[in-house]
Protein backbone atom coordinates (compact mmCIF):
# COMPACT_ATOMS: atom_id res chain seq x y z
CA UNK A 1 0.00 0.00 0.00
CA UNK A 2 1.53 3.31 -1.02
CA UNK A 3 0.78 5.16 2.23
CA UNK A 4 2.13 2.40 4.45
CA UNK A 5 5.18 2.07 2.23
CA UNK A 6 5.93 5.73 3.03
CA UNK A 7 5.68 5.25 6.80
CA UNK A 8 8.75 3.33 7.86
CA UNK A 9 10.33 5.80 10.32
CA UNK A 10 9.23 8.50 12.76
CA UNK A 11 10.44 11.17 10.37
CA UNK A 12 8.20 9.75 7.64
CA UNK A 13 5.18 10.09 9.92
CA UNK A 14 6.14 13.67 10.70
CA UNK A 15 6.48 14.47 7.01
CA UNK A 16 2.99 13.11 6.37
CA UNK A 17 1.63 15.18 9.29
CA UNK A 18 3.44 18.36 8.30
CA UNK A 19 2.16 18.08 4.74
CA UNK A 20 -1.40 17.66 6.09
CA UNK A 21 -1.79 14.46 4.09
CA UNK A 22 -5.48 13.79 3.46
CA UNK A 23 -5.00 10.01 3.34
CA UNK A 24 -4.82 9.95 7.14
CA UNK A 25 -7.81 10.45 9.40
CA UNK A 26 -6.29 12.83 11.93
CA UNK A 27 -8.09 11.62 15.05
CA UNK A 28 -6.87 11.77 18.65
CA UNK A 29 -4.76 8.65 18.25
CA UNK A 30 -2.99 9.98 15.19
CA UNK A 31 -2.16 13.18 17.07
CA UNK A 32 -0.70 11.12 19.90
CA UNK A 33 1.40 9.18 17.40
CA UNK A 34 2.69 12.40 15.85
CA UNK A 35 3.49 13.89 19.25
CA UNK A 36 5.34 10.68 20.12
CA UNK A 37 7.31 10.91 16.90
CA UNK A 38 8.32 14.48 17.78
CA UNK A 39 9.39 13.31 21.25
CA UNK A 40 11.50 10.58 19.65
CA UNK A 41 13.17 13.31 17.58
CA UNK A 42 13.73 15.39 20.77
CA UNK A 43 11.36 18.07 19.46
CA UNK A 44 9.46 18.49 22.70
CA UNK A 45 8.06 21.93 21.92
CA UNK A 46 6.43 20.71 18.71
CA UNK A 47 5.09 17.64 20.49
CA UNK A 48 3.58 19.72 23.26
CA UNK A 49 2.01 22.14 20.80
CA UNK A 50 0.17 19.26 19.17
CA UNK A 51 -1.04 17.95 22.52
CA UNK A 52 -2.05 21.40 23.74
CA UNK A 53 -3.90 22.29 20.52
CA UNK A 54 -5.69 18.97 20.11
CA UNK A 55 -6.60 18.23 23.72
CA UNK A 56 -7.30 21.72 25.07
CA UNK A 57 -10.87 21.04 26.23
CA UNK A 58 -11.40 20.10 29.90
CA UNK A 59 -12.80 16.62 29.18
CA UNK A 60 -9.92 15.76 26.88
CA UNK A 61 -7.40 17.19 29.32
CA UNK A 62 -8.78 14.85 31.95
CA UNK A 63 -8.76 11.88 29.58
CA UNK A 64 -5.15 12.54 28.55
CA UNK A 65 -3.89 13.83 31.91
CA UNK A 66 -0.96 11.39 31.83
CA UNK A 67 0.20 12.90 28.55
CA UNK A 68 0.02 16.43 29.98
CA UNK A 69 1.83 15.19 33.09
CA UNK A 70 4.65 13.81 30.93
CA UNK A 71 5.23 17.23 29.39
CA UNK A 72 5.10 18.99 32.77
CA UNK A 73 8.30 17.13 33.69
CA UNK A 74 10.27 18.26 30.64
CA UNK A 75 12.40 21.35 31.22
CA UNK A 76 13.00 22.67 27.70
CA UNK A 77 9.47 23.24 26.44
PDB file of N, CA and C in Angstrom:
ATOM      1  N   UNK A   1       0.842  -1.169   0.000  1.00  0.00           N
ATOM      2  CA  UNK A   1       0.000   0.000   0.000  1.00  0.00           C
ATOM      3  C   UNK A   1       0.891   1.238   0.000  1.00  0.00           C
ATOM      4  N   UNK A   2       0.644   2.145  -0.885  1.00  0.00           N
ATOM      5  CA  UNK A   2       1.531   3.309  -1.018  1.00  0.00           C
ATOM      6  C   UNK A   2       1.706   4.113   0.265  1.00  0.00           C
ATOM      7  N   UNK A   3       0.639   4.381   1.000  1.00  0.00           N
ATOM      8  CA  UNK A   3       0.778   5.161   2.232  1.00  0.00           C
ATOM      9  C   UNK A   3       1.651   4.428   3.244  1.00  0.00           C
ATOM     10  N   UNK A   4       1.361   3.162   3.468  1.00  0.00           N
ATOM     11  CA  UNK A   4       2.131   2.404   4.450  1.00  0.00           C
ATOM     12  C   UNK A   4       3.577   2.219   4.022  1.00  0.00           C
ATOM     13  N   UNK A   5       3.808   2.161   2.728  1.00  0.00           N
ATOM     14  CA  UNK A   5       5.180   2.071   2.231  1.00  0.00           C
ATOM     15  C   UNK A   5       5.972   3.331   2.579  1.00  0.00           C
ATOM     16  N   UNK A   6       5.271   4.457   2.710  1.00  0.00           N
ATOM     17  CA  UNK A   6       5.926   5.727   3.027  1.00  0.00           C
ATOM     18  C   UNK A   6       6.166   5.918   4.519  1.00  0.00           C
ATOM     19  N   UNK A   7       5.594   5.076   5.348  1.00  0.00           N
ATOM     20  CA  UNK A   7       5.684   5.248   6.799  1.00  0.00           C
ATOM     21  C   UNK A   7       6.550   4.169   7.426  1.00  0.00           C
ATOM     22  N   UNK A   8       7.845   4.321   7.299  1.00  0.00           N
ATOM     23  CA  UNK A   8       8.748   3.325   7.861  1.00  0.00           C
ATOM     24  C   UNK A   8       9.542   3.860   9.052  1.00  0.00           C
ATOM     25  N   UNK A   9       9.573   5.189   9.228  1.00  0.00           N
ATOM     26  CA  UNK A   9      10.330   5.801  10.323  1.00  0.00           C
ATOM     27  C   UNK A   9       9.511   6.926  10.933  1.00  0.00           C
ATOM     28  N   UNK A  10       9.904   7.366  12.115  1.00  0.00           N
ATOM     29  CA  UNK A  10       9.228   8.499  12.761  1.00  0.00           C
ATOM     30  C   UNK A  10       9.216   9.724  11.862  1.00  0.00           C
ATOM     31  N   UNK A  11      10.345   9.986  11.229  1.00  0.00           N
ATOM     32  CA  UNK A  11      10.441  11.167  10.369  1.00  0.00           C
ATOM     33  C   UNK A  11       9.451  11.101   9.215  1.00  0.00           C
ATOM     34  N   UNK A  12       9.180   9.903   8.721  1.00  0.00           N
ATOM     35  CA  UNK A  12       8.201   9.753   7.644  1.00  0.00           C
ATOM     36  C   UNK A  12       6.812  10.151   8.135  1.00  0.00           C
ATOM     37  N   UNK A  13       6.482   9.753   9.339  1.00  0.00           N
ATOM     38  CA  UNK A  13       5.180  10.089   9.917  1.00  0.00           C
ATOM     39  C   UNK A  13       5.067  11.597  10.107  1.00  0.00           C
ATOM     40  N   UNK A  14       6.146  12.225  10.528  1.00  0.00           N
ATOM     41  CA  UNK A  14       6.144  13.671  10.701  1.00  0.00           C
ATOM     42  C   UNK A  14       5.985  14.393   9.369  1.00  0.00           C
ATOM     43  N   UNK A  15       6.615  13.879   8.340  1.00  0.00           N
ATOM     44  CA  UNK A  15       6.480  14.470   7.012  1.00  0.00           C
ATOM     45  C   UNK A  15       5.034  14.403   6.537  1.00  0.00           C
ATOM     46  N   UNK A  16       4.396  13.269   6.757  1.00  0.00           N
ATOM     47  CA  UNK A  16       2.991  13.106   6.372  1.00  0.00           C
ATOM     48  C   UNK A  16       2.122  14.090   7.162  1.00  0.00           C
ATOM     49  N   UNK A  17       2.396  14.240   8.452  1.00  0.00           N
ATOM     50  CA  UNK A  17       1.629  15.180   9.287  1.00  0.00           C
ATOM     51  C   UNK A  17       1.854  16.618   8.838  1.00  0.00           C
ATOM     52  N   UNK A  18       3.106  16.981   8.656  1.00  0.00           N
ATOM     53  CA  UNK A  18       3.436  18.363   8.305  1.00  0.00           C
ATOM     54  C   UNK A  18       2.917  18.754   6.935  1.00  0.00           C
ATOM     55  N   UNK A  19       2.722  17.785   6.064  1.00  0.00           N
ATOM     56  CA  UNK A  19       2.160  18.079   4.736  1.00  0.00           C
ATOM     57  C   UNK A  19       0.636  17.999   4.740  1.00  0.00           C
ATOM     58  N   UNK A  20       0.056  17.743   5.929  1.00  0.00           N
ATOM     59  CA  UNK A  20      -1.401  17.658   6.088  1.00  0.00           C
ATOM     60  C   UNK A  20      -2.004  16.659   5.097  1.00  0.00           C
ATOM     61  N   UNK A  21      -1.376  15.509   5.022  1.00  0.00           N
ATOM     62  CA  UNK A  21      -1.789  14.456   4.089  1.00  0.00           C
ATOM     63  C   UNK A  21      -3.235  14.047   4.363  1.00  0.00           C
ATOM     64  N   UNK A  22      -4.045  14.091   3.325  1.00  0.00           N
ATOM     65  CA  UNK A  22      -5.476  13.791   3.456  1.00  0.00           C
ATOM     66  C   UNK A  22      -5.775  12.293   3.492  1.00  0.00           C
ATOM     67  N   UNK A  23      -4.770  11.457   3.298  1.00  0.00           N
ATOM     68  CA  UNK A  23      -4.998  10.009   3.345  1.00  0.00           C
ATOM     69  C   UNK A  23      -5.110   9.501   4.776  1.00  0.00           C
ATOM     70  N   UNK A  24      -4.767  10.332   5.733  1.00  0.00           N
ATOM     71  CA  UNK A  24      -4.819   9.949   7.142  1.00  0.00           C
ATOM     72  C   UNK A  24      -6.025  10.621   7.788  1.00  0.00           C
ATOM     73  N   UNK A  25      -6.755   9.866   8.576  1.00  0.00           N
ATOM     74  CA  UNK A  25      -7.814  10.449   9.400  1.00  0.00           C
ATOM     75  C   UNK A  25      -7.131  10.939  10.675  1.00  0.00           C
ATOM     76  N   UNK A  26      -7.054  12.240  10.833  1.00  0.00           N
ATOM     77  CA  UNK A  26      -6.293  12.829  11.930  1.00  0.00           C
ATOM     78  C   UNK A  26      -7.138  12.884  13.199  1.00  0.00           C
ATOM     79  N   UNK A  27      -7.322  11.722  13.802  1.00  0.00           N
ATOM     80  CA  UNK A  27      -8.085  11.624  15.050  1.00  0.00           C
ATOM     81  C   UNK A  27      -7.139  11.783  16.246  1.00  0.00           C
ATOM     82  N   UNK A  28      -7.684  11.602  17.445  1.00  0.00           N
ATOM     83  CA  UNK A  28      -6.869  11.769  18.654  1.00  0.00           C
ATOM     84  C   UNK A  28      -5.665  10.845  18.652  1.00  0.00           C
ATOM     85  N   UNK A  29      -5.862   9.614  18.237  1.00  0.00           N
ATOM     86  CA  UNK A  29      -4.761   8.647  18.253  1.00  0.00           C
ATOM     87  C   UNK A  29      -3.641   9.057  17.306  1.00  0.00           C
ATOM     88  N   UNK A  30      -4.010   9.550  16.143  1.00  0.00           N
ATOM     89  CA  UNK A  30      -2.989   9.982  15.190  1.00  0.00           C
ATOM     90  C   UNK A  30      -2.189  11.151  15.758  1.00  0.00           C
ATOM     91  N   UNK A  31      -2.864  12.054  16.454  1.00  0.00           N
ATOM     92  CA  UNK A  31      -2.158  13.182  17.066  1.00  0.00           C
ATOM     93  C   UNK A  31      -1.205  12.703  18.164  1.00  0.00           C
ATOM     94  N   UNK A  32      -1.612  11.692  18.901  1.00  0.00           N
ATOM     95  CA  UNK A  32      -0.703  11.117  19.903  1.00  0.00           C
ATOM     96  C   UNK A  32       0.510  10.484  19.236  1.00  0.00           C
ATOM     97  N   UNK A  33       0.283   9.795  18.118  1.00  0.00           N
ATOM     98  CA  UNK A  33       1.404   9.175  17.396  1.00  0.00           C
ATOM     99  C   UNK A  33       2.371  10.249  16.896  1.00  0.00           C
ATOM    100  N   UNK A  34       1.834  11.324  16.362  1.00  0.00           N
ATOM    101  CA  UNK A  34       2.692  12.397  15.849  1.00  0.00           C
ATOM    102  C   UNK A  34       3.466  13.047  16.999  1.00  0.00           C
ATOM    103  N   UNK A  35       2.789  13.315  18.093  1.00  0.00           N
ATOM    104  CA  UNK A  35       3.488  13.893  19.251  1.00  0.00           C
ATOM    105  C   UNK A  35       4.598  12.951  19.723  1.00  0.00           C
ATOM    106  N   UNK A  36       4.319  11.664  19.731  1.00  0.00           N
ATOM    107  CA  UNK A  36       5.342  10.683  20.119  1.00  0.00           C
ATOM    108  C   UNK A  36       6.520  10.704  19.161  1.00  0.00           C
ATOM    109  N   UNK A  37       6.235  10.849  17.887  1.00  0.00           N
ATOM    110  CA  UNK A  37       7.315  10.908  16.900  1.00  0.00           C
ATOM    111  C   UNK A  37       8.175  12.151  17.137  1.00  0.00           C
ATOM    112  N   UNK A  38       7.546  13.273  17.458  1.00  0.00           N
ATOM    113  CA  UNK A  38       8.325  14.480  17.780  1.00  0.00           C
ATOM    114  C   UNK A  38       9.170  14.259  19.031  1.00  0.00           C
ATOM    115  N   UNK A  39       8.618  13.609  20.037  1.00  0.00           N
ATOM    116  CA  UNK A  39       9.389  13.314  21.251  1.00  0.00           C
ATOM    117  C   UNK A  39      10.590  12.446  20.898  1.00  0.00           C
ATOM    118  N   UNK A  40      10.390  11.455  20.063  1.00  0.00           N
ATOM    119  CA  UNK A  40      11.503  10.585  19.653  1.00  0.00           C
ATOM    120  C   UNK A  40      12.587  11.356  18.917  1.00  0.00           C
ATOM    121  N   UNK A  41      12.203  12.456  18.287  1.00  0.00           N
ATOM    122  CA  UNK A  41      13.171  13.310  17.580  1.00  0.00           C
ATOM    123  C   UNK A  41      13.696  14.429  18.483  1.00  0.00           C
ATOM    124  N   UNK A  42      13.344  14.375  19.774  1.00  0.00           N
ATOM    125  CA  UNK A  42      13.733  15.392  20.765  1.00  0.00           C
ATOM    126  C   UNK A  42      13.197  16.777  20.412  1.00  0.00           C
ATOM    127  N   UNK A  43      12.041  16.808  19.787  1.00  0.00           N
ATOM    128  CA  UNK A  43      11.358  18.066  19.455  1.00  0.00           C
ATOM    129  C   UNK A  43      10.160  18.197  20.392  1.00  0.00           C
ATOM    130  N   UNK A  44      10.473  18.480  21.654  1.00  0.00           N
ATOM    131  CA  UNK A  44       9.458  18.490  22.695  1.00  0.00           C
ATOM    132  C   UNK A  44       8.469  19.639  22.538  1.00  0.00           C
ATOM    133  N   UNK A  45       8.948  20.775  22.094  1.00  0.00           N
ATOM    134  CA  UNK A  45       8.056  21.930  21.921  1.00  0.00           C
ATOM    135  C   UNK A  45       6.986  21.626  20.876  1.00  0.00           C
ATOM    136  N   UNK A  46       7.383  21.060  19.757  1.00  0.00           N
ATOM    137  CA  UNK A  46       6.432  20.711  18.706  1.00  0.00           C
ATOM    138  C   UNK A  46       5.440  19.667  19.203  1.00  0.00           C
ATOM    139  N   UNK A  47       5.954  18.695  19.951  1.00  0.00           N
ATOM    140  CA  UNK A  47       5.086  17.641  20.488  1.00  0.00           C
ATOM    141  C   UNK A  47       4.046  18.240  21.427  1.00  0.00           C
ATOM    142  N   UNK A  48       4.497  19.118  22.305  1.00  0.00           N
ATOM    143  CA  UNK A  48       3.578  19.717  23.264  1.00  0.00           C
ATOM    144  C   UNK A  48       2.546  20.610  22.573  1.00  0.00           C
ATOM    145  N   UNK A  49       2.951  21.304  21.542  1.00  0.00           N
ATOM    146  CA  UNK A  49       2.005  22.144  20.801  1.00  0.00           C
ATOM    147  C   UNK A  49       0.873  21.308  20.212  1.00  0.00           C
ATOM    148  N   UNK A  50       1.204  20.140  19.707  1.00  0.00           N
ATOM    149  CA  UNK A  50       0.168  19.257  19.167  1.00  0.00           C
ATOM    150  C   UNK A  50      -0.773  18.818  20.277  1.00  0.00           C
ATOM    151  N   UNK A  51      -0.219  18.407  21.396  1.00  0.00           N
ATOM    152  CA  UNK A  51      -1.042  17.953  22.523  1.00  0.00           C
ATOM    153  C   UNK A  51      -1.918  19.092  23.033  1.00  0.00           C
ATOM    154  N   UNK A  52      -1.321  20.248  23.214  1.00  0.00           N
ATOM    155  CA  UNK A  52      -2.051  21.397  23.744  1.00  0.00           C
ATOM    156  C   UNK A  52      -3.174  21.832  22.787  1.00  0.00           C
ATOM    157  N   UNK A  53      -2.888  21.863  21.496  1.00  0.00           N
ATOM    158  CA  UNK A  53      -3.897  22.290  20.522  1.00  0.00           C
ATOM    159  C   UNK A  53      -5.021  21.274  20.354  1.00  0.00           C
ATOM    160  N   UNK A  54      -4.686  20.012  20.355  1.00  0.00           N
ATOM    161  CA  UNK A  54      -5.686  18.968  20.108  1.00  0.00           C
ATOM    162  C   UNK A  54      -6.538  18.672  21.346  1.00  0.00           C
ATOM    163  N   UNK A  55      -5.924  18.680  22.501  1.00  0.00           N
ATOM    164  CA  UNK A  55      -6.599  18.226  23.719  1.00  0.00           C
ATOM    165  C   UNK A  55      -6.813  19.368  24.714  1.00  0.00           C
ATOM    166  N   UNK A  56      -7.194  20.546  24.207  1.00  0.00           N
ATOM    167  CA  UNK A  56      -7.303  21.720  25.067  1.00  0.00           C
ATOM    168  C   UNK A  56      -8.643  21.855  25.786  1.00  0.00           C
ATOM    169  N   UNK A  57      -9.579  20.979  25.549  1.00  0.00           N
ATOM    170  CA  UNK A  57     -10.871  21.041  26.235  1.00  0.00           C
ATOM    171  C   UNK A  57     -10.783  20.261  27.556  1.00  0.00           C
ATOM    172  N   UNK A  58     -11.517  20.728  28.578  1.00  0.00           N
ATOM    173  CA  UNK A  58     -11.403  20.101  29.905  1.00  0.00           C
ATOM    174  C   UNK A  58     -11.602  18.577  29.912  1.00  0.00           C
ATOM    175  N   UNK A  59     -12.575  18.065  29.192  1.00  0.00           N
ATOM    176  CA  UNK A  59     -12.798  16.615  29.178  1.00  0.00           C
ATOM    177  C   UNK A  59     -11.639  15.856  28.573  1.00  0.00           C
ATOM    178  N   UNK A  60     -11.073  16.409  27.501  1.00  0.00           N
ATOM    179  CA  UNK A  60      -9.917  15.765  26.875  1.00  0.00           C
ATOM    180  C   UNK A  60      -8.673  15.901  27.736  1.00  0.00           C
ATOM    181  N   UNK A  61      -8.541  17.031  28.418  1.00  0.00           N
ATOM    182  CA  UNK A  61      -7.397  17.194  29.320  1.00  0.00           C
ATOM    183  C   UNK A  61      -7.441  16.159  30.435  1.00  0.00           C
ATOM    184  N   UNK A  62      -8.634  15.880  30.913  1.00  0.00           N
ATOM    185  CA  UNK A  62      -8.778  14.853  31.954  1.00  0.00           C
ATOM    186  C   UNK A  62      -8.459  13.468  31.383  1.00  0.00           C
ATOM    187  N   UNK A  63      -8.979  13.193  30.205  1.00  0.00           N
ATOM    188  CA  UNK A  63      -8.762  11.880  29.578  1.00  0.00           C
ATOM    189  C   UNK A  63      -7.271  11.633  29.322  1.00  0.00           C
ATOM    190  N   UNK A  64      -6.566  12.669  28.902  1.00  0.00           N
ATOM    191  CA  UNK A  64      -5.154  12.536  28.551  1.00  0.00           C
ATOM    192  C   UNK A  64      -4.244  13.199  29.586  1.00  0.00           C
ATOM    193  N   UNK A  65      -4.661  13.168  30.849  1.00  0.00           N
ATOM    194  CA  UNK A  65      -3.891  13.829  31.906  1.00  0.00           C
ATOM    195  C   UNK A  65      -2.480  13.256  32.043  1.00  0.00           C
ATOM    196  N   UNK A  66      -2.302  11.979  31.753  1.00  0.00           N
ATOM    197  CA  UNK A  66      -0.957  11.395  31.830  1.00  0.00           C
ATOM    198  C   UNK A  66      -0.041  11.976  30.755  1.00  0.00           C
ATOM    199  N   UNK A  67      -0.600  12.291  29.616  1.00  0.00           N
ATOM    200  CA  UNK A  67       0.196  12.904  28.545  1.00  0.00           C
ATOM    201  C   UNK A  67       0.628  14.306  28.971  1.00  0.00           C
ATOM    202  N   UNK A  68      -0.320  15.090  29.497  1.00  0.00           N
ATOM    203  CA  UNK A  68       0.024  16.432  29.978  1.00  0.00           C
ATOM    204  C   UNK A  68       1.045  16.347  31.102  1.00  0.00           C
ATOM    205  N   UNK A  69       0.894  15.376  31.987  1.00  0.00           N
ATOM    206  CA  UNK A  69       1.832  15.194  33.087  1.00  0.00           C
ATOM    207  C   UNK A  69       3.235  14.907  32.571  1.00  0.00           C
ATOM    208  N   UNK A  70       3.345  14.108  31.534  1.00  0.00           N
ATOM    209  CA  UNK A  70       4.648  13.810  30.935  1.00  0.00           C
ATOM    210  C   UNK A  70       5.350  15.102  30.532  1.00  0.00           C
ATOM    211  N   UNK A  71       4.617  15.995  29.870  1.00  0.00           N
ATOM    212  CA  UNK A  71       5.232  17.233  29.395  1.00  0.00           C
ATOM    213  C   UNK A  71       5.543  18.211  30.522  1.00  0.00           C
ATOM    214  N   UNK A  72       4.822  18.123  31.630  1.00  0.00           N
ATOM    215  CA  UNK A  72       5.103  18.988  32.770  1.00  0.00           C
ATOM    216  C   UNK A  72       6.486  18.712  33.355  1.00  0.00           C
ATOM    217  N   UNK A  73       7.012  17.531  33.121  1.00  0.00           N
ATOM    218  CA  UNK A  73       8.298  17.131  33.691  1.00  0.00           C
ATOM    219  C   UNK A  73       9.471  17.319  32.720  1.00  0.00           C
ATOM    220  N   UNK A  74       9.215  17.988  31.617  1.00  0.00           N
ATOM    221  CA  UNK A  74      10.273  18.263  30.638  1.00  0.00           C
ATOM    222  C   UNK A  74      10.658  19.737  30.779  1.00  0.00           C
ATOM    223  N   UNK A  75      11.929  20.002  30.925  1.00  0.00           N
ATOM    224  CA  UNK A  75      12.404  21.355  31.216  1.00  0.00           C
ATOM    225  C   UNK A  75      12.439  22.282  30.005  1.00  0.00           C
ATOM    226  N   UNK A  76      12.719  21.768  28.842  1.00  0.00           N
ATOM    227  CA  UNK A  76      13.003  22.669  27.704  1.00  0.00           C
ATOM    228  C   UNK A  76      11.824  22.856  26.752  1.00  0.00           C
ATOM    229  N   UNK A  77      10.621  22.959  27.304  1.00  0.00           N
ATOM    230  CA  UNK A  77       9.470  23.240  26.441  1.00  0.00           C
ATOM    231  C   UNK A  77       9.248  24.732  26.426  1.00  0.00           C
TER     232      UNK A  77
END
